[in-house]
Amino acid sequence: QVQLVESGGGLVQAGGSLALSCAASDSSVSITAMGWYRQAPGKQRELVAAMTRGGGRNYADFAKGRFTISRDNAKNTVSLQMTSLKPEDTAVYYCAVGMSTAQATAVMLGRGAESGSWGQGTQVTVSS
């Protein structure tokens, strides 16, 4: 397993933008899928967006058109650019990665509990 460190969360007004970043502790390992999940108070953790090493992407419906996921395979980093933020986007955002095929499939399809590693999370708060 690799350790993941997220950064970039914060407080933003509705309609604003934030960029999140996640870096894996080992840039030499091959990470098949990297993704972002979020968990709001009282709700289950849910997929935001995920991306395969080959460039395939999967977005939650609420993220389509507003959020963009990207990754740097050489550095094992993944970013999430969020625009047009809404108060309902307020949550702790987590980075998740899948090393094996099974883990990567889980990350891509929203089954985060079966992923390889999780970051500690970064808080995103959108004020109205």
C-alpha atoms as a PDB file:
ATOM      1  CA  GLN A   1       0.000   0.000   0.000  1.00  0.00           C
ATOM      2  CA  VAL A   2       0.972   3.599  -0.529  1.00  0.00           C
ATOM      3  CA  GLN A   3       0.268   6.550   1.695  1.00  0.00           C
ATOM      4  CA  LEU A   4      -1.781   9.353   0.231  1.00  0.00           C
ATOM      5  CA  VAL A   5      -1.738  13.007   1.180  1.00  0.00           C
ATOM      6  CA  GLU A   6      -4.495  15.368   0.063  1.00  0.00           C
ATOM      7  CA  SER A   7      -4.305  19.130  -0.040  1.00  0.00           C
ATOM      8  CA  GLY A   8      -6.244  22.068  -1.348  1.00  0.00           C
ATOM      9  CA  GLY A   9      -9.453  22.037   0.623  1.00  0.00           C
ATOM     10  CA  GLY A  10     -10.892  25.113   2.236  1.00  0.00           C
ATOM     11  CA  LEU A  11     -13.788  27.507   2.454  1.00  0.00           C
ATOM     12  CA  VAL A  12     -15.276  28.988  -0.684  1.00  0.00           C
ATOM     13  CA  GLN A  13     -18.454  30.834  -1.560  1.00  0.00           C
ATOM     14  CA  ALA A  14     -21.096  29.249  -3.726  1.00  0.00           C
ATOM     15  CA  GLY A  15     -20.169  29.577  -7.370  1.00  0.00           C
ATOM     16  CA  GLY A  16     -16.480  29.572  -6.585  1.00  0.00           C
ATOM     17  CA  SER A  17     -13.728  27.117  -7.464  1.00  0.00           C
ATOM     18  CA  LEU A  18     -11.266  24.925  -5.617  1.00  0.00           C
ATOM     19  CA  ALA A  19      -8.538  22.565  -6.709  1.00  0.00           C
ATOM     20  CA  LEU A  20      -7.645  19.467  -4.724  1.00  0.00           C
ATOM     21  CA  SER A  21      -4.448  17.490  -5.061  1.00  0.00           C
ATOM     22  CA  CYS A  22      -3.377  14.087  -3.852  1.00  0.00           C
ATOM     23  CA  ALA A  23       0.111  12.669  -3.892  1.00  0.00           C
ATOM     24  CA  ALA A  24       1.149   9.089  -3.285  1.00  0.00           C
ATOM     25  CA  SER A  25       4.147   8.511  -1.055  1.00  0.00           C
ATOM     26  CA  ASP A  26       5.883   6.329  -3.639  1.00  0.00           C
ATOM     27  CA  SER A  27       6.113   7.744  -7.134  1.00  0.00           C
ATOM     28  CA  SER A  28       7.700   4.581  -8.507  1.00  0.00           C
ATOM     29  CA  VAL A  29       4.806   2.177  -8.007  1.00  0.00           C
ATOM     30  CA  SER A  30       2.269   1.661 -10.751  1.00  0.00           C
ATOM     31  CA  ILE A  31      -1.165   2.824  -9.635  1.00  0.00           C
ATOM     32  CA  THR A  32      -3.923   1.554 -11.878  1.00  0.00           C
ATOM     33  CA  ALA A  33      -6.710   3.875 -10.780  1.00  0.00           C
ATOM     34  CA  MET A  34      -6.858   7.042  -8.717  1.00  0.00           C
ATOM     35  CA  GLY A  35     -10.012   8.728  -7.604  1.00  0.00           C
ATOM     36  CA  TRP A  36     -11.795  11.169  -5.379  1.00  0.00           C
ATOM     37  CA  TYR A  37     -14.588  10.359  -2.982  1.00  0.00           C
ATOM     38  CA  ARG A  38     -16.470  12.567  -0.561  1.00  0.00           C
ATOM     39  CA  GLN A  39     -18.443  12.171   2.615  1.00  0.00           C
ATOM     40  CA  ALA A  40     -20.852  14.737   3.944  1.00  0.00           C
ATOM     41  CA  PRO A  41     -22.056  14.661   7.559  1.00  0.00           C
ATOM     42  CA  GLY A  42     -24.590  11.928   8.062  1.00  0.00           C
ATOM     43  CA  LYS A  43     -24.121  10.543   4.572  1.00  0.00           C
ATOM     44  CA  GLN A  44     -22.231   7.660   3.055  1.00  0.00           C
ATOM     45  CA  ARG A  45     -18.970   8.134   1.256  1.00  0.00           C
ATOM     46  CA  GLU A  46     -19.580   8.495  -2.460  1.00  0.00           C
ATOM     47  CA  LEU A  47     -17.566   8.573  -5.648  1.00  0.00           C
ATOM     48  CA  VAL A  48     -16.843  11.987  -7.113  1.00  0.00           C
ATOM     49  CA  ALA A  49     -14.540  11.078  -9.985  1.00  0.00           C
ATOM     50  CA  ALA A  50     -11.935   8.475 -10.819  1.00  0.00           C
ATOM     51  CA  MET A  51      -9.367   7.977 -13.520  1.00  0.00           C
ATOM     52  CA  THR A  52      -7.405   5.034 -14.846  1.00  0.00           C
ATOM     53  CA  ARG A  53      -3.750   5.059 -15.686  1.00  0.00           C
ATOM     54  CA  GLY A  54      -4.715   4.952 -19.336  1.00  0.00           C
ATOM     55  CA  GLY A  55      -6.882   8.050 -19.120  1.00  0.00           C
ATOM     56  CA  GLY A  56     -10.356   6.613 -18.668  1.00  0.00           C
ATOM     57  CA  ARG A  57     -12.592   8.701 -16.435  1.00  0.00           C
ATOM     58  CA  ASN A  58     -15.761   8.154 -14.484  1.00  0.00           C
ATOM     59  CA  TYR A  59     -17.702  11.021 -12.957  1.00  0.00           C
ATOM     60  CA  ALA A  60     -20.630  11.036 -10.602  1.00  0.00           C
ATOM     61  CA  ASP A  61     -23.639  12.724 -12.132  1.00  0.00           C
ATOM     62  CA  PHE A  62     -23.336  15.684  -9.769  1.00  0.00           C
ATOM     63  CA  ALA A  63     -19.738  16.220 -10.876  1.00  0.00           C
ATOM     64  CA  LYS A  64     -20.280  16.142 -14.629  1.00  0.00           C
ATOM     65  CA  GLY A  65     -19.698  19.520 -16.220  1.00  0.00           C
ATOM     66  CA  ARG A  66     -18.379  21.076 -13.012  1.00  0.00           C
ATOM     67  CA  PHE A  67     -15.474  18.926 -11.848  1.00  0.00           C
ATOM     68  CA  THR A  68     -12.431  17.741 -13.769  1.00  0.00           C
ATOM     69  CA  ILE A  69     -10.108  14.973 -12.681  1.00  0.00           C
ATOM     70  CA  SER A  70      -6.565  14.684 -13.941  1.00  0.00           C
ATOM     71  CA  ARG A  71      -3.502  12.721 -12.969  1.00  0.00           C
ATOM     72  CA  ASP A  72       0.225  12.648 -13.485  1.00  0.00           C
ATOM     73  CA  ASN A  73       1.263   9.018 -13.835  1.00  0.00           C
ATOM     74  CA  ALA A  74       4.956   9.775 -13.506  1.00  0.00           C
ATOM     75  CA  LYS A  75       4.451  11.506 -10.170  1.00  0.00           C
ATOM     76  CA  ASN A  76       1.500   9.427  -8.945  1.00  0.00           C
ATOM     77  CA  THR A  77      -0.585  12.478  -8.280  1.00  0.00           C
ATOM     78  CA  VAL A  78      -4.239  13.101  -8.949  1.00  0.00           C
ATOM     79  CA  SER A  79      -6.040  16.424  -8.976  1.00  0.00           C
ATOM     80  CA  LEU A  80      -9.633  17.513  -8.894  1.00  0.00           C
ATOM     81  CA  GLN A  81     -10.597  20.893 -10.275  1.00  0.00           C
ATOM     82  CA  MET A  82     -13.986  21.932  -8.935  1.00  0.00           C
ATOM     83  CA  THR A  83     -15.961  24.830 -10.339  1.00  0.00           C
ATOM     84  CA  SER A  84     -19.446  26.245  -9.800  1.00  0.00           C
ATOM     85  CA  LEU A  85     -19.396  24.890  -6.285  1.00  0.00           C
ATOM     86  CA  LYS A  86     -22.647  24.533  -4.378  1.00  0.00           C
ATOM     87  CA  PRO A  87     -23.338  24.318  -0.646  1.00  0.00           C
ATOM     88  CA  GLU A  88     -24.270  20.675  -1.148  1.00  0.00           C
ATOM     89  CA  ASP A  89     -20.686  20.005  -2.245  1.00  0.00           C
ATOM     90  CA  THR A  90     -19.612  20.575   1.336  1.00  0.00           C
ATOM     91  CA  ALA A  91     -17.902  17.404   2.518  1.00  0.00           C
ATOM     92  CA  VAL A  92     -14.623  15.799   3.393  1.00  0.00           C
ATOM     93  CA  TYR A  93     -12.945  14.797   0.153  1.00  0.00           C
ATOM     94  CA  TYR A  94     -10.796  11.682   0.100  1.00  0.00           C
ATOM     95  CA  CYS A  95      -8.286  10.369  -2.365  1.00  0.00           C
ATOM     96  CA  ALA A  96      -8.369   6.650  -3.114  1.00  0.00           C
ATOM     97  CA  VAL A  97      -6.192   4.450  -5.263  1.00  0.00           C
ATOM     98  CA  GLY A  98      -6.368   0.973  -6.680  1.00  0.00           C
ATOM     99  CA  MET A  99      -3.213  -0.971  -7.391  1.00  0.00           C
ATOM    100  CA  SER A 100      -4.577  -4.289  -8.576  1.00  0.00           C
ATOM    101  CA  THR A 101      -7.195  -4.764 -11.262  1.00  0.00           C
ATOM    102  CA  ALA A 102      -9.809  -5.588  -8.653  1.00  0.00           C
ATOM    103  CA  GLN A 103      -8.970  -2.553  -6.546  1.00  0.00           C
ATOM    104  CA  ALA A 104      -8.902  -0.299  -9.584  1.00  0.00           C
ATOM    105  CA  THR A 105     -12.314  -1.515 -10.701  1.00  0.00           C
ATOM    106  CA  ALA A 106     -13.649  -0.797  -7.247  1.00  0.00           C
ATOM    107  CA  VAL A 107     -12.223   2.722  -7.258  1.00  0.00           C
ATOM    108  CA  MET A 108     -13.611   3.437 -10.718  1.00  0.00           C
ATOM    109  CA  LEU A 109     -17.081   2.129  -9.989  1.00  0.00           C
ATOM    110  CA  GLY A 110     -17.621   3.717  -6.613  1.00  0.00           C
ATOM    111  CA  ARG A 111     -16.882   0.748  -4.386  1.00  0.00           C
ATOM    112  CA  GLY A 112     -14.354   2.660  -2.391  1.00  0.00           C
ATOM    113  CA  ALA A 113     -14.329   0.238   0.499  1.00  0.00           C
ATOM    114  CA  GLU A 114     -12.549  -2.252  -1.762  1.00  0.00           C
ATOM    115  CA  SER A 115      -9.859   0.169  -2.866  1.00  0.00           C
ATOM    116  CA  GLY A 116      -6.202  -0.135  -1.960  1.00  0.00           C
ATOM    117  CA  SER A 117      -5.459   2.996   0.036  1.00  0.00           C
ATOM    118  CA  TRP A 118      -7.170   6.122   1.326  1.00  0.00           C
ATOM    119  CA  GLY A 119      -5.900   9.532   2.204  1.00  0.00           C
ATOM    120  CA  GLN A 120      -6.785  11.314   5.420  1.00  0.00           C
ATOM    121  CA  GLY A 121      -9.243  13.638   3.720  1.00  0.00           C
ATOM    122  CA  THR A 122      -9.476  17.345   3.157  1.00  0.00           C
ATOM    123  CA  GLN A 123     -12.437  19.497   4.145  1.00  0.00           C
ATOM    124  CA  VAL A 124     -14.307  21.468   1.495  1.00  0.00           C
ATOM    125  CA  THR A 125     -16.872  23.938   2.763  1.00  0.00           C
ATOM    126  CA  VAL A 126     -19.074  25.906   0.393  1.00  0.00           C
ATOM    127  CA  SER A 127     -20.977  28.779   1.910  1.00  0.00           C
ATOM    128  CA  SER A 128     -24.225  30.077   0.486  1.00  0.00           C
END
